Protein backbone atom coordinates (compact mmCIF):
# COMPACT_ATOMS: atom_id res chain seq x y z
CA UNK A 1 -85.85 93.12 -11.11
CA UNK A 2 -84.98 91.58 -14.59
CA UNK A 3 -82.40 88.50 -14.61
CA UNK A 4 -79.08 89.68 -15.91
CA UNK A 5 -78.30 88.10 -19.48
CA UNK A 6 -74.73 87.92 -19.49
CA UNK A 7 -74.58 85.69 -22.48
CA UNK A 8 -76.57 88.34 -24.49
CA UNK A 9 -73.98 91.16 -23.01
CA UNK A 10 -71.09 89.47 -24.27
CA UNK A 11 -72.62 89.03 -28.09
CA UNK A 12 -73.63 92.49 -27.76
CA UNK A 13 -69.79 93.39 -26.78
CA UNK A 14 -68.44 91.42 -29.19
CA UNK A 15 -70.43 92.38 -32.09
CA UNK A 16 -69.34 96.28 -31.41
CA UNK A 17 -65.42 95.17 -30.87
CA UNK A 18 -66.04 93.41 -34.30
CA UNK A 19 -67.81 96.10 -35.89
CA UNK A 20 -70.00 93.13 -37.40
CA UNK A 21 -72.83 93.16 -39.75
CA UNK A 22 -74.80 91.51 -37.35
CA UNK A 23 -75.41 94.02 -35.06
CA UNK A 24 -79.07 95.91 -34.30
CA UNK A 25 -79.54 99.22 -37.30
CA UNK A 26 -78.04 101.94 -34.60
CA UNK A 27 -80.00 104.75 -33.39
CA UNK A 28 -77.62 107.52 -32.11
CA UNK A 29 -74.61 106.14 -31.35
CA UNK A 30 -72.99 106.46 -27.31
CA UNK A 31 -70.42 107.93 -26.37
CA UNK A 32 -70.53 105.26 -23.28
CA UNK A 33 -72.57 102.40 -22.50
CA UNK A 34 -72.93 100.31 -19.31
CA UNK A 35 -74.15 96.97 -19.37
CA UNK A 36 -74.63 94.32 -17.02
CA UNK A 37 -75.63 95.84 -14.27
CA UNK A 38 -78.53 96.10 -11.24
CA UNK A 39 -79.83 100.00 -12.88
CA UNK A 40 -82.10 101.10 -9.90
CA UNK A 41 -83.43 104.28 -12.00
CA UNK A 42 -84.98 106.02 -8.97
CA UNK A 43 -88.10 106.98 -11.65
CA UNK A 44 -91.49 107.56 -11.18
CA UNK A 45 -91.75 103.44 -10.99
CA UNK A 46 -88.76 103.15 -9.00
CA UNK A 47 -87.99 100.50 -11.85
CA UNK A 48 -84.54 98.44 -12.71
CA UNK A 49 -82.47 98.32 -15.51
CA UNK A 50 -79.96 96.58 -17.25
CA UNK A 51 -77.91 99.22 -19.34
CA UNK A 52 -77.69 103.02 -19.55
CA UNK A 53 -76.16 104.77 -23.04
CA UNK A 54 -74.70 108.25 -22.73
CA UNK A 55 -73.74 110.51 -25.41
CA UNK A 56 -72.70 114.30 -24.98
CA UNK A 57 -73.19 113.92 -20.85
CA UNK A 58 -77.30 112.83 -20.81
CA UNK A 59 -78.76 109.52 -20.84
CA UNK A 60 -80.35 108.22 -24.27
CA UNK A 61 -80.80 104.72 -23.47
CA UNK A 62 -82.13 102.93 -20.06
CA UNK A 63 -83.66 99.52 -20.64
CA UNK A 64 -82.04 96.04 -21.07
CA UNK A 65 -79.07 94.74 -22.38
CA UNK A 66 -80.39 93.90 -25.72
CA UNK A 67 -81.73 96.93 -26.24
CA UNK A 68 -78.56 98.93 -25.55
CA UNK A 69 -77.03 97.44 -28.87
CA UNK A 70 -78.74 99.72 -31.22
CA UNK A 71 -76.89 102.36 -29.24
CA UNK A 72 -73.63 100.78 -29.81
CA UNK A 73 -71.17 101.31 -32.50
CA UNK A 74 -67.52 100.62 -33.15
CA UNK A 75 -66.37 103.84 -31.44
CA UNK A 76 -68.64 103.70 -28.32
CA UNK A 77 -67.25 102.49 -25.29
CA UNK A 78 -68.58 99.62 -23.54
CA UNK A 79 -68.38 99.20 -20.06
CA UNK A 80 -69.26 95.50 -18.79
CA UNK A 81 -70.61 96.28 -15.00
CA UNK A 82 -70.68 92.31 -14.07
CA UNK A 83 -73.73 92.66 -12.28
CA UNK A 84 -72.47 95.94 -10.04
CA UNK A 85 -75.46 98.31 -9.15
CA UNK A 86 -75.76 102.03 -10.70
CA UNK A 87 -77.20 104.51 -8.86
CA UNK A 88 -78.22 108.19 -9.84
CA UNK A 89 -75.46 110.51 -8.51
CA UNK A 90 -75.61 111.34 -4.67
CA UNK A 91 -76.75 114.53 -3.63
CA UNK A 92 -75.84 115.71 -0.06
CA UNK A 93 -78.23 118.50 1.01
CA UNK A 94 -75.93 120.02 3.91
CA UNK A 95 -71.98 119.98 3.40
CA UNK A 96 -69.83 121.78 4.39
CA UNK A 97 -66.92 120.31 1.79
CA UNK A 98 -66.15 123.06 -0.49
CA UNK A 99 -65.30 125.70 2.23
CA UNK A 100 -64.74 123.27 5.17
CA UNK A 101 -61.59 120.25 3.94
CA UNK A 102 -58.82 121.01 5.93
CA UNK A 103 -54.86 120.27 4.37
CA UNK A 104 -51.93 119.14 5.89
CA UNK A 105 -50.93 122.58 7.09
CA UNK A 106 -53.86 121.94 9.53
CA UNK A 107 -54.42 120.14 12.75
CA UNK A 108 -56.93 117.35 11.95
CA UNK A 109 -58.62 116.33 14.81
CA UNK A 110 -61.86 115.00 13.23
CA UNK A 111 -63.03 111.71 14.58
CA UNK A 112 -60.06 110.88 16.95
CA UNK A 113 -62.70 108.71 19.73
CA UNK A 114 -60.25 109.57 22.85
CA UNK A 115 -59.78 112.61 24.79
CA UNK A 116 -55.78 110.90 25.00
CA UNK A 117 -55.43 110.40 21.51
CA UNK A 118 -56.38 114.05 20.78
CA UNK A 119 -53.40 114.79 23.56
CA UNK A 120 -51.12 112.21 21.00
CA UNK A 121 -52.70 114.34 17.90
CA UNK A 122 -51.61 117.53 19.15
CA UNK A 123 -48.23 116.58 19.96
CA UNK A 124 -47.67 115.71 16.35
CA UNK A 125 -49.13 119.00 15.26
CA UNK A 126 -46.34 121.47 17.34
CA UNK A 127 -44.31 120.21 14.37
CA UNK A 128 -46.78 122.52 11.53
CA UNK A 129 -45.70 125.14 10.14
CA UNK A 130 -48.08 127.04 10.81
CA UNK A 131 -49.97 129.89 9.41
CA UNK A 132 -49.13 133.94 9.30
CA UNK A 133 -46.34 136.16 11.53
CA UNK A 134 -47.41 135.03 14.78
CA UNK A 135 -47.37 131.22 12.91
CA UNK A 136 -50.90 130.24 14.45
CA UNK A 137 -51.94 126.57 14.63
CA UNK A 138 -55.07 126.10 12.85
CA UNK A 139 -57.20 123.12 12.58
CA UNK A 140 -60.43 120.89 14.54
CA UNK A 141 -62.73 118.42 14.31
CA UNK A 142 -62.60 117.35 18.11
CA UNK A 143 -65.59 115.96 19.70
CA UNK A 144 -67.12 117.46 22.04
CA UNK A 145 -68.71 114.55 24.54
CA UNK A 146 -64.87 113.42 24.88
CA UNK A 147 -64.32 116.77 27.44
CA UNK A 148 -67.08 117.20 30.90
CA UNK A 149 -69.42 119.62 29.49
CA UNK A 150 -68.22 119.80 26.22
CA UNK A 151 -65.36 122.08 27.68
CA UNK A 152 -61.70 121.21 26.84
CA UNK A 153 -59.20 123.56 28.87
CA UNK A 154 -56.39 125.86 27.48
CA UNK A 155 -54.08 123.99 29.80
CA UNK A 156 -52.98 121.37 27.59
CA UNK A 157 -52.57 123.05 24.74
CA UNK A 158 -50.74 126.14 26.73
CA UNK A 159 -48.12 123.54 27.44
CA UNK A 160 -48.11 122.13 24.17
CA UNK A 161 -47.93 125.24 22.78
CA UNK A 162 -46.69 127.90 25.11
CA UNK A 163 -45.67 130.64 22.22
CA UNK A 164 -48.01 130.15 19.67
CA UNK A 165 -51.50 130.87 19.71
CA UNK A 166 -54.23 127.86 18.64
CA UNK A 167 -57.60 127.85 17.16
CA UNK A 168 -59.15 124.46 17.27
CA UNK A 169 -62.96 124.39 16.35
CA UNK A 170 -65.35 121.75 17.50
CA UNK A 171 -66.81 118.40 15.26
CA UNK A 172 -70.54 120.18 15.76
CA UNK A 173 -68.93 123.72 14.53
CA UNK A 174 -70.29 125.23 16.94
CA UNK A 175 -67.31 125.74 19.29
CA UNK A 176 -63.26 126.87 19.61
CA UNK A 177 -60.57 125.52 21.90
CA UNK A 178 -58.10 127.76 22.16
CA UNK A 179 -54.78 129.08 24.22
CA UNK A 180 -54.01 131.64 26.36
CA UNK A 181 -51.70 133.03 23.71
CA UNK A 182 -54.56 133.21 21.09
CA UNK A 183 -56.77 134.59 23.99
CA UNK A 184 -53.93 137.50 24.88
CA UNK A 185 -53.73 138.01 21.07
CA UNK A 186 -57.66 138.89 20.59
CA UNK A 187 -58.48 140.84 24.03
CA UNK A 188 -60.19 138.42 26.29
CA UNK A 189 -60.30 138.45 29.48
CA UNK A 190 -61.98 138.01 32.51
CA UNK A 191 -63.65 140.91 31.96
CA UNK A 192 -64.69 140.60 28.28
CA UNK A 193 -68.38 140.76 28.09
CA UNK A 194 -69.80 137.12 26.18
CA UNK A 195 -71.49 138.90 23.17
CA UNK A 196 -74.69 138.23 21.82
CA UNK A 197 -75.39 134.37 21.11
CA UNK A 198 -72.35 133.29 22.29
CA UNK A 199 -70.23 131.66 25.72
CA UNK A 200 -67.00 132.86 26.88
CA UNK A 201 -66.54 129.42 28.94
CA UNK A 202 -65.13 130.81 32.72
CA UNK A 203 -62.97 128.92 34.82
CA UNK A 204 -66.07 129.05 37.96
CA UNK A 205 -63.74 130.51 40.91
CA UNK A 206 -61.24 133.13 38.99
CA UNK A 207 -63.28 134.21 35.80
CA UNK A 208 -60.55 133.96 33.38
CA UNK A 209 -61.63 132.62 30.44
CA UNK A 210 -61.29 128.43 30.33
CA UNK A 211 -60.46 127.84 26.63
CA UNK A 212 -63.60 127.24 24.72
CA UNK A 213 -65.92 129.73 23.50
CA UNK A 214 -69.27 128.68 22.06
CA UNK A 215 -71.36 130.13 19.16
CA UNK A 216 -70.32 133.99 18.14
CA UNK A 217 -67.96 134.26 21.05
CA UNK A 218 -65.84 132.04 18.31
CA UNK A 219 -65.68 134.49 15.78
CA UNK A 220 -63.85 137.42 17.83
CA UNK A 221 -60.90 134.67 17.14
CA UNK A 222 -61.77 133.78 13.99
CA UNK A 223 -61.63 137.10 12.64
CA UNK A 224 -58.14 137.32 13.67
CA UNK A 225 -56.69 134.33 12.24
CA UNK A 226 -54.05 135.09 9.54
CA UNK A 227 -55.75 134.86 5.43
CA UNK A 228 -54.69 131.84 3.63
CA UNK A 229 -53.62 132.96 -0.26
CA UNK A 230 -56.27 132.59 -2.89
CA UNK A 231 -54.13 129.32 -4.05
CA UNK A 232 -54.26 127.48 -1.06
CA UNK A 233 -57.97 128.02 -0.66
CA UNK A 234 -58.91 127.41 -4.09
CA UNK A 235 -56.60 124.00 -4.48
CA UNK A 236 -58.64 123.23 -1.09
CA UNK A 237 -61.91 123.48 -3.06
CA UNK A 238 -60.32 121.61 -6.11
CA UNK A 239 -59.58 118.63 -3.10
CA UNK A 240 -63.15 119.16 -1.65
CA UNK A 241 -64.73 118.06 -4.97
CA UNK A 242 -62.12 114.95 -5.78
CA UNK A 243 -63.04 113.91 -2.17
CA UNK A 244 -66.98 113.87 -2.66
CA UNK A 245 -66.28 112.09 -6.13
CA UNK A 246 -64.89 109.16 -3.90
CA UNK A 247 -68.39 108.79 -2.20
CA UNK A 248 -70.14 109.14 -5.29
CA UNK A 249 -71.70 112.79 -4.69
CA UNK A 250 -72.18 114.73 -7.42
CA UNK A 251 -74.38 117.44 -6.30
CA UNK A 252 -74.23 119.65 -3.14
CA UNK A 253 -76.56 122.37 -1.14
CA UNK A 254 -73.32 124.51 0.76
CA UNK A 255 -74.59 126.82 3.75
CA UNK A 256 -73.38 129.52 5.28
CA UNK A 257 -71.32 130.79 2.45
CA UNK A 258 -70.22 134.59 2.45
CA UNK A 259 -68.11 136.68 -0.02
CA UNK A 260 -64.61 134.98 1.39
CA UNK A 261 -65.85 131.81 1.10
CA UNK A 262 -66.90 132.82 -2.13
CA UNK A 263 -64.18 133.95 -3.90
CA UNK A 264 -62.14 130.28 -3.93
CA UNK A 265 -65.40 128.50 -5.17
CA UNK A 266 -65.73 130.73 -8.02
CA UNK A 267 -61.93 130.78 -8.98
CA UNK A 268 -62.49 127.35 -9.28
CA UNK A 269 -65.07 127.42 -11.51
CA UNK A 270 -63.79 129.92 -13.54
CA UNK A 271 -60.32 128.44 -14.13
CA UNK A 272 -60.69 124.95 -13.85
CA UNK A 273 -64.87 124.34 -13.51
CA UNK A 274 -66.42 122.99 -11.06
CA UNK A 275 -67.34 119.53 -11.74
CA UNK A 276 -69.85 119.21 -9.06
CA UNK A 277 -73.58 120.79 -9.17
CA UNK A 278 -73.55 123.21 -5.73
CA UNK A 279 -76.18 125.11 -5.03
CA UNK A 280 -74.46 127.72 -2.58
CA UNK A 281 -76.45 129.23 0.37
CA UNK A 282 -75.60 132.66 1.31
CA UNK A 283 -75.10 134.00 4.48
CA UNK A 284 -73.44 137.69 4.79
CA UNK A 285 -72.68 137.38 7.76
CA UNK A 286 -71.03 133.98 7.87
CA UNK A 287 -73.27 131.53 10.28
CA UNK A 288 -73.28 133.99 13.01
CA UNK A 289 -76.42 133.94 14.73
CA UNK A 290 -78.75 136.62 15.65
CA UNK A 291 -77.42 139.33 14.13
CA UNK A 292 -79.83 140.19 10.63
CA UNK A 293 -81.01 143.75 10.11
CA UNK A 294 -82.01 145.09 6.44
CA UNK A 295 -78.59 145.36 5.44
CA UNK A 296 -78.67 141.54 5.19
CA UNK A 297 -80.56 141.95 1.80
CA UNK A 298 -77.70 143.71 0.51
CA UNK A 299 -75.47 140.72 -0.45
CA UNK A 300 -78.47 138.93 -1.39
CA UNK A 301 -79.77 141.51 -3.84
CA UNK A 302 -76.28 141.06 -5.86
CA UNK A 303 -76.04 137.35 -5.74
CA UNK A 304 -76.52 137.06 -10.27
CA UNK A 305 -72.54 138.24 -10.15
CA UNK A 306 -71.76 134.60 -8.68
CA UNK A 307 -74.03 132.81 -10.89
CA UNK A 308 -71.54 129.84 -12.80
CA UNK A 309 -72.23 126.69 -14.96
CA UNK A 310 -72.99 124.36 -12.14
CA UNK A 311 -73.51 126.88 -9.57
CA UNK A 312 -76.43 128.56 -8.07
CA UNK A 313 -76.49 130.93 -5.41
CA UNK A 314 -80.47 131.37 -4.94
CA UNK A 315 -80.40 129.94 -1.47
CA UNK A 316 -79.61 131.83 2.23
CA UNK A 317 -79.03 130.13 5.28
CA UNK A 318 -80.09 131.40 8.97
CA UNK A 319 -79.82 129.56 12.19
CA UNK A 320 -82.47 129.32 14.57
CA UNK A 321 -81.02 127.55 17.23
CA UNK A 322 -77.56 126.46 18.49
CA UNK A 323 -77.14 123.05 19.72
CA UNK A 324 -79.13 120.88 22.44
CA UNK A 325 -75.54 119.39 23.77
CA UNK A 326 -74.58 123.11 24.86
CA UNK A 327 -77.64 124.00 25.95
CA UNK A 328 -77.86 126.98 23.02
CA UNK A 329 -81.24 125.19 21.97
CA UNK A 330 -84.66 126.67 23.24
CA UNK A 331 -86.80 123.50 23.83
CA UNK A 332 -90.48 123.49 24.70
CA UNK A 333 -90.09 122.16 27.98
CA UNK A 334 -86.91 122.40 30.30
CA UNK A 335 -83.68 120.91 29.88
CA UNK A 336 -82.77 117.94 32.70
CA UNK A 337 -79.65 119.92 33.81
CA UNK A 338 -81.27 123.18 35.05
CA UNK A 339 -78.07 125.18 35.24
CA UNK A 340 -79.02 125.10 31.09
CA UNK A 341 -82.32 127.44 31.20
CA UNK A 342 -84.12 126.61 28.04
CA UNK A 343 -82.24 128.04 25.83
CA UNK A 344 -82.32 131.17 23.89
CA UNK A 345 -83.93 131.76 20.27
CA UNK A 346 -81.82 133.37 17.96
CA UNK A 347 -84.71 135.77 16.90
CA UNK A 348 -88.19 136.76 17.59
CA UNK A 349 -91.28 135.57 15.71
CA UNK A 350 -91.94 138.67 13.90
CA UNK A 351 -88.61 138.53 12.90
CA UNK A 352 -88.50 135.15 11.51
CA UNK A 353 -91.52 136.09 9.44
CA UNK A 354 -90.29 139.04 8.31
CA UNK A 355 -87.06 137.44 6.96
CA UNK A 356 -88.68 134.40 5.55
CA UNK A 357 -91.43 136.51 3.55
CA UNK A 358 -89.07 139.02 2.15
CA UNK A 359 -86.59 135.93 1.42
CA UNK A 360 -88.95 133.86 -0.22
CA UNK A 361 -90.43 137.41 -2.29
CA UNK A 362 -86.28 137.44 -3.25
CA UNK A 363 -86.66 133.71 -5.44
CA UNK A 364 -84.40 132.43 -2.61
CA UNK A 365 -84.46 128.97 -0.81
CA UNK A 366 -84.32 129.43 3.06
CA UNK A 367 -82.01 126.85 4.46
CA UNK A 368 -82.53 127.13 8.56
CA UNK A 369 -80.67 125.56 10.56
CA UNK A 370 -82.63 123.87 13.52
CA UNK A 371 -82.06 121.50 16.50
CA UNK A 372 -84.74 122.11 19.41
CA UNK A 373 -88.03 121.62 18.80
CA UNK A 374 -89.10 125.14 20.51
CA UNK A 375 -86.38 126.06 17.42
CA UNK A 376 -88.03 123.88 14.92
CA UNK A 377 -91.71 125.13 15.65
CA UNK A 378 -90.37 128.64 15.24
CA UNK A 379 -88.94 128.03 11.99
CA UNK A 380 -92.23 126.23 10.96
CA UNK A 381 -94.66 129.28 12.00
CA UNK A 382 -91.93 131.59 10.05
CA UNK A 383 -92.90 129.03 6.61
CA UNK A 384 -96.19 128.91 7.81
CA UNK A 385 -96.40 133.09 7.76
CA UNK A 386 -94.23 133.39 4.73
CA UNK A 387 -97.21 130.96 2.83
CA UNK A 388 -100.27 132.98 4.28
CA UNK A 389 -98.08 136.34 3.08
CA UNK A 390 -97.00 135.22 0.43
CA UNK A 391 -98.76 131.99 -0.96
CA UNK A 392 -97.56 128.46 -2.21
CA UNK A 393 -94.02 129.61 -4.01
CA UNK A 394 -91.60 126.95 -5.36
CA UNK A 395 -88.47 127.74 -3.73
CA UNK A 396 -87.62 124.54 -1.79
CA UNK A 397 -86.97 125.61 1.18
CA UNK A 398 -85.81 123.13 4.04
CA UNK A 399 -84.96 122.75 7.42
CA UNK A 400 -81.70 120.92 9.26
CA UNK A 401 -80.63 118.90 11.65
CA UNK A 402 -83.98 118.45 12.79
CA UNK A 403 -82.65 116.53 16.83
CA UNK A 404 -85.62 117.05 18.56
CA UNK A 405 -89.34 117.81 16.78
CA UNK A 406 -92.77 117.85 18.34
CA UNK A 407 -95.13 115.49 17.49
CA UNK A 408 -97.95 118.04 16.60
CA UNK A 409 -94.86 119.70 13.97
CA UNK A 410 -94.58 116.39 11.86
CA UNK A 411 -96.90 117.00 9.85
CA UNK A 412 -96.19 120.63 8.98
CA UNK A 413 -93.12 119.83 7.24
CA UNK A 414 -95.64 117.91 4.23
CA UNK A 415 -98.26 120.73 4.63
CA UNK A 416 -95.29 123.48 4.57
CA UNK A 417 -93.75 121.43 1.47
CA UNK A 418 -90.50 122.43 3.55
CA UNK A 419 -87.60 119.78 3.01
CA UNK A 420 -86.61 117.63 5.88
CA UNK A 421 -83.16 117.68 6.09
CA UNK A 422 -82.07 114.51 8.14
CA UNK A 423 -78.17 114.07 9.10
CA UNK A 424 -79.19 110.09 9.67
CA UNK A 425 -75.91 109.08 10.63
CA UNK A 426 -76.77 110.55 14.15
CA UNK A 427 -79.78 108.65 14.30
CA UNK A 428 -78.17 105.59 16.48
CA UNK A 429 -77.15 105.68 20.25
CA UNK A 430 -73.90 106.42 20.25
CA UNK A 431 -72.67 106.50 23.52
CA UNK A 432 -70.12 109.20 23.51
CA UNK A 433 -73.30 111.21 22.31
CA UNK A 434 -75.88 110.21 24.65
CA UNK A 435 -73.33 111.01 27.62
CA UNK A 436 -74.30 114.22 26.26
CA UNK A 437 -77.95 113.93 25.57
CA UNK A 438 -79.17 112.19 28.50
CA UNK A 439 -78.33 114.59 30.95
CA UNK A 440 -79.62 117.55 29.12
CA UNK A 441 -83.01 115.37 27.49
CA UNK A 442 -83.68 112.57 30.20
CA UNK A 443 -84.42 108.83 28.43
CA UNK A 444 -87.81 109.50 27.13
CA UNK A 445 -86.52 112.93 24.59
CA UNK A 446 -83.48 111.26 23.86
CA UNK A 447 -85.02 108.44 22.46
CA UNK A 448 -87.24 110.73 20.60
CA UNK A 449 -84.30 111.83 18.65
CA UNK A 450 -84.57 111.96 14.76
CA UNK A 451 -87.87 111.00 13.72
CA UNK A 452 -87.39 110.36 10.37
CA UNK A 453 -90.18 107.86 9.79
CA UNK A 454 -93.01 109.99 11.12
CA UNK A 455 -92.01 112.82 9.28
CA UNK A 456 -92.03 110.43 6.17
CA UNK A 457 -95.10 109.08 7.12
CA UNK A 458 -96.80 112.43 8.20
CA UNK A 459 -95.77 113.26 4.50
CA UNK A 460 -92.91 115.20 4.75
CA UNK A 461 -90.09 115.16 2.24
CA UNK A 462 -87.14 113.07 3.60
CA UNK A 463 -84.11 114.72 2.36
CA UNK A 464 -80.09 113.29 3.02
CA UNK A 465 -77.28 115.32 4.42
CA UNK A 466 -74.23 114.56 5.97
CA UNK A 467 -73.02 117.90 7.91
CA UNK A 468 -69.08 117.16 6.82
CA UNK A 469 -66.99 118.22 8.36
CA UNK A 470 -69.00 117.79 11.62
CA UNK A 471 -69.05 114.03 10.81
CA UNK A 472 -68.68 111.89 7.64
CA UNK A 473 -69.61 112.32 4.08
CA UNK A 474 -70.13 108.61 2.93
CA UNK A 475 -73.98 108.33 2.09
CA UNK A 476 -73.93 105.06 2.84
CA UNK A 477 -73.41 105.56 6.06
CA UNK A 478 -75.92 107.47 6.87
CA UNK A 479 -78.58 105.49 5.01
CA UNK A 480 -77.39 102.18 6.52
CA UNK A 481 -78.35 103.93 9.98
CA UNK A 482 -81.71 105.51 8.73
CA UNK A 483 -82.49 101.98 7.96
CA UNK A 484 -81.22 100.13 10.81
CA UNK A 485 -81.20 103.05 13.93
CA UNK A 486 -77.86 101.72 15.03
CA UNK A 487 -74.19 101.61 15.47
CA UNK A 488 -73.24 101.25 11.40
CA UNK A 489 -69.25 100.58 12.35
CA UNK A 490 -70.12 97.85 14.67
CA UNK A 491 -73.75 96.38 14.09
CA UNK A 492 -74.12 95.97 17.83
CA UNK A 493 -75.63 98.15 20.45
CA UNK A 494 -78.66 99.91 21.26
CA UNK A 495 -81.29 100.88 18.25
CA UNK A 496 -82.50 104.96 18.70
CA UNK A 497 -86.58 103.69 18.49
CA UNK A 498 -86.77 100.65 16.21
CA UNK A 499 -90.16 102.23 14.83
CA UNK A 500 -88.52 105.10 13.58
CA UNK A 501 -86.32 103.20 10.53
CA UNK A 502 -86.89 103.75 7.36
CA UNK A 503 -86.64 100.94 4.38
CA UNK A 504 -83.69 101.61 1.88
CA UNK A 505 -85.95 103.09 -1.22
CA UNK A 506 -86.56 105.58 1.09
CA UNK A 507 -83.37 106.42 1.93
CA UNK A 508 -82.08 106.25 -1.44
CA UNK A 509 -84.89 108.60 -3.04
CA UNK A 510 -83.56 111.07 -0.13
CA UNK A 511 -79.80 111.20 -1.01
CA UNK A 512 -81.22 111.20 -5.25
CA UNK A 513 -84.51 112.71 -6.44
CA UNK A 514 -85.48 114.41 -3.16
CA UNK A 515 -81.94 116.00 -2.82
CA UNK A 516 -82.23 117.13 -6.99
CA UNK A 517 -86.01 118.23 -5.93
CA UNK A 518 -84.13 120.81 -3.45
CA UNK A 519 -82.09 121.95 -6.01
CA UNK A 520 -85.22 122.23 -8.47
CA UNK A 521 -82.56 120.01 -10.51
CA UNK A 522 -85.29 116.99 -10.40
CA UNK A 523 -86.04 118.02 -13.52
CA UNK A 524 -82.15 116.62 -15.34
CA UNK A 525 -81.23 114.65 -12.62
CA UNK A 526 -81.79 112.51 -9.78
CA UNK A 527 -83.09 110.05 -11.76
CA UNK A 528 -81.81 107.60 -14.72
CA UNK A 529 -84.28 108.91 -17.54
CA UNK A 530 -84.56 109.78 -20.57
CA UNK A 531 -82.51 113.35 -21.22
CA UNK A 532 -81.45 113.33 -17.49
CA UNK A 533 -77.50 114.07 -17.06
CA UNK A 534 -75.44 110.88 -17.08
CA UNK A 535 -74.16 112.21 -13.21
CA UNK A 536 -74.02 108.38 -12.30
CA UNK A 537 -72.70 106.25 -9.11
CA UNK A 538 -71.47 102.77 -9.94
CA UNK A 539 -71.51 100.58 -6.28
CA UNK A 540 -69.87 97.04 -6.05
CA UNK A 541 -73.10 95.24 -4.90
CA UNK A 542 -76.90 95.45 -5.03
CA UNK A 543 -77.79 97.20 -1.97
CA UNK A 544 -81.08 95.70 -1.99
CA UNK A 545 -79.28 92.06 -1.97
CA UNK A 546 -77.56 92.22 0.60
CA UNK A 547 -78.13 92.36 4.43
CA UNK A 548 -78.88 95.90 6.12
CA UNK A 549 -75.91 96.16 8.39
CA UNK A 550 -73.80 95.65 5.28
CA UNK A 551 -74.87 98.57 3.67
CA UNK A 552 -72.06 101.03 4.04
CA UNK A 553 -69.87 97.94 3.25
CA UNK A 554 -70.35 98.73 0.01
CA UNK A 555 -67.67 100.82 -2.06
CA UNK A 556 -67.80 103.48 -4.48
CA UNK A 557 -66.55 101.51 -7.99
CA UNK A 558 -66.99 104.58 -10.04
CA UNK A 559 -68.39 107.75 -10.22
CA UNK A 560 -69.81 109.60 -13.43
CA UNK A 561 -70.52 113.63 -13.97
CA UNK A 562 -71.63 114.94 -17.28
CA UNK A 563 -71.20 111.34 -18.20
CA UNK A 564 -66.79 111.41 -17.88
CA UNK A 565 -65.32 109.77 -15.13
CA UNK A 566 -64.38 111.73 -12.31
CA UNK A 567 -63.73 108.55 -9.54
């Protein structure tokens, strides 16, 4: 990295401010010039610079401070970075932010560490006004690991909310905790059969619903929730964009968006402009798995109506499985807990092959949720059949989550050009999560989870995604965890397979240029190069000059979108 010449930077600042005759001949007058920084460009050479000049939202200079002088006029805004780090804006390639922000009217249980503290928060939520005629209490974020078998009971909710229905989604997004009033309103009782691809948890003696619904069973209640106004929903989109900017995120792939969820996003874009580059991964049936038929293509064939500036709708979301912690994810070898069998596939292989081929022919990115090794293999088989039928398209397909990948399948990501989107914040031995994983997988398979380096070494493209609201959105937490494989909050405890650690440069690429690639935007963003958009993040320290355990302690100082400060 070039040494910072702070004296020279000061001279440039002085000359520009005074409009003196000694300044270098003006090439182009920049709107803004960032000087005296540690600029990690993530270009083809992964090089360093000191200065960046911006005009009309585009990068017109990257280099040393001295060379930046030719772009400074008396009208240029000059920012002295005082050695702070500049990176391309972060890309989150799997995040429920535009559709997942909760507001003050909802009961937010996200990241509450104990069941006892959840109970305290729920008591506070009794004071909420609620939503709709029945004054529904809506919210979520509760951690599955806080209750035995991830199965909270309705009793506590019945005590706190005896006359008001309650619907609380889990942090994984695959379960809901409801009370007796909610079950009564939607008609779920001991005689209600489990829906396809869903489970109604029951009292083992009476058969009555216990209060936990899984996967498709959640929709029985969710579809009856009172609607929010368009203004309320649009306001959440605005808040979501601001929240993402606070983490330096300027581009997202938002999965599982149906027509209802599209409405406020488009309304915000049409009325205020969306200061976020977004791929909206469409799902005509929202997230419900296992129910695709030929009607699924109707929505996708009319998607052009939803395209906007900064909004790409050439993506479709499909679920291959549930989650290992519930036993709803198929495995190549049986679960340790025989109660769960081996999980059920959501789709037969022939259906996967048919859908992938058709989606690819329609110019769509196939965005696949796959967690267990059997489901991941089925997805990769589908991509292989798609490639054999259609050839090598440029639709930038991806698989997300990737908790357990058989070693035979790890090279296939590179061979099939399928992005490997890891939620690397999960790649450490979280004691609470292991309480669920080890009984389901056993020690050996648990320590094989999230094989990021193995996929990279085998030629796969590593891509970063948070899966917020399921987990924290902060890219720096995820980057640190991938580098250390250790608890990023305490920097203590066991390591989840040290052989799977990757280096810092790999994870910066995962959250910048590789994310841009998945969005088909790598030619215009994802690195700091001439002609690319000035989507940038400034951090208060150089990540390469601090211990890996301190990466997540870095703070976002400023986020730029099209050269404009948005945070």
